[in-house]
Protein backbone atom coordinates (compact mmCIF):
# COMPACT_ATOMS: atom_id res chain seq x y z
CA UNK A 1 -12.52 34.61 142.78
CA UNK A 2 -11.90 37.94 144.51
CA UNK A 3 -10.19 38.06 147.92
CA UNK A 4 -10.27 41.17 150.11
CA UNK A 5 -8.20 41.80 153.24
CA UNK A 6 -9.22 44.80 155.35
CA UNK A 7 -6.87 45.67 158.23
CA UNK A 8 -8.79 47.65 160.85
CA UNK A 9 -7.47 49.44 163.94
CA UNK A 10 -10.26 50.35 166.36
CA UNK A 11 -10.14 53.01 169.08
CA UNK A 12 -9.99 51.21 172.42
CA UNK A 13 -13.01 53.09 173.78
CA UNK A 14 -15.10 51.90 170.81
CA UNK A 15 -14.06 48.25 170.80
CA UNK A 16 -17.34 46.84 172.17
CA UNK A 17 -19.50 49.02 169.92
CA UNK A 18 -17.44 48.01 166.90
CA UNK A 19 -17.75 44.31 167.71
CA UNK A 20 -21.51 44.60 168.13
CA UNK A 21 -22.00 46.42 164.84
CA UNK A 22 -19.55 44.33 162.83
CA UNK A 23 -21.30 41.12 163.91
CA UNK A 24 -24.36 42.18 161.91
CA UNK A 25 -22.22 43.10 158.90
CA UNK A 26 -20.57 39.68 158.94
CA UNK A 27 -23.88 37.84 159.28
CA UNK A 28 -25.59 39.78 156.48
CA UNK A 29 -22.55 39.57 154.19
CA UNK A 30 -22.23 35.81 154.63
CA UNK A 31 -25.83 35.46 153.43
CA UNK A 32 -25.19 37.33 150.17
CA UNK A 33 -25.25 35.45 146.90
CA UNK A 34 -21.70 35.26 145.59
CA UNK A 35 -20.09 35.26 149.03
CA UNK A 36 -17.75 32.35 149.66
CA UNK A 37 -16.36 33.45 153.03
CA UNK A 38 -16.59 36.57 155.22
CA UNK A 39 -14.76 36.44 158.55
CA UNK A 40 -13.38 38.87 161.12
CA UNK A 41 -10.20 37.92 162.97
CA UNK A 42 -8.44 39.70 165.81
CA UNK A 43 -4.68 40.23 165.74
CA UNK A 44 -3.22 38.65 168.89
CA UNK A 45 -0.09 40.82 168.78
CA UNK A 46 -1.78 44.25 168.75
CA UNK A 47 -4.77 45.32 170.82
CA UNK A 48 -7.88 46.33 168.90
CA UNK A 49 -6.45 45.37 165.51
CA UNK A 50 -8.71 43.24 163.32
CA UNK A 51 -8.54 41.73 159.85
CA UNK A 52 -11.62 41.14 157.73
CA UNK A 53 -11.00 38.31 155.27
CA UNK A 54 -13.48 38.11 152.43
CA UNK A 55 -13.82 35.75 149.48
CA UNK A 56 -16.24 36.48 146.65
CA UNK A 57 -17.26 34.51 143.56
CA UNK A 58 -16.49 37.40 141.20
CA UNK A 59 -16.28 41.18 140.78
CA UNK A 60 -20.05 41.44 140.36
CA UNK A 61 -20.55 39.93 143.82
CA UNK A 62 -18.14 42.49 145.30
CA UNK A 63 -19.93 45.36 143.57
CA UNK A 64 -23.28 44.09 144.83
CA UNK A 65 -21.85 43.82 148.37
CA UNK A 66 -20.51 47.38 148.32
CA UNK A 67 -24.00 48.62 147.46
CA UNK A 68 -25.97 46.72 150.11
CA UNK A 69 -27.66 48.71 152.88
CA UNK A 70 -25.82 46.78 155.62
CA UNK A 71 -22.41 47.57 154.07
CA UNK A 72 -23.23 51.25 153.53
CA UNK A 73 -24.72 51.64 157.02
CA UNK A 74 -21.72 49.98 158.64
CA UNK A 75 -19.33 52.19 156.65
CA UNK A 76 -21.02 55.38 157.83
CA UNK A 77 -21.17 54.29 161.46
CA UNK A 78 -17.75 52.66 161.68
CA UNK A 79 -15.81 55.79 160.73
CA UNK A 80 -16.24 56.91 164.35
CA UNK A 81 -14.73 53.66 165.62
CA UNK A 82 -11.55 53.61 163.52
CA UNK A 83 -8.21 54.76 164.93
CA UNK A 84 -7.11 55.28 161.32
CA UNK A 85 -8.47 54.52 157.87
CA UNK A 86 -8.60 50.78 157.22
CA UNK A 87 -5.90 49.39 154.94
CA UNK A 88 -7.64 47.35 152.26
CA UNK A 89 -6.08 45.03 149.68
CA UNK A 90 -8.02 43.31 146.90
CA UNK A 91 -6.72 40.30 145.01
CA UNK A 92 -8.02 38.41 142.00
CA UNK A 93 -7.32 34.70 142.29
CA UNK A 94 -6.56 32.93 139.04
CA UNK A 95 -5.99 29.25 138.38
CA UNK A 96 -2.45 28.28 137.42
């Protein structure tokens, strides 16, 4: 399983636009084959800071996701909404 955490800081003036656009990304991503979980959470200690938590069956599912039209379209559009580049961490979960 692959887990991705994306920490996103959104410009305050673009908060509502970001939330509208990201809702479609979440919905479409959750419907992808190989997706286990795809959720956006808001940080309660810092305004306009969000964390996208993703779980994928395997690396192939992640690669497929990165090449979907909804992911590419969101990536192009969202650059205008970000205060800074998102901080992304990817983990491979192994069984002990």
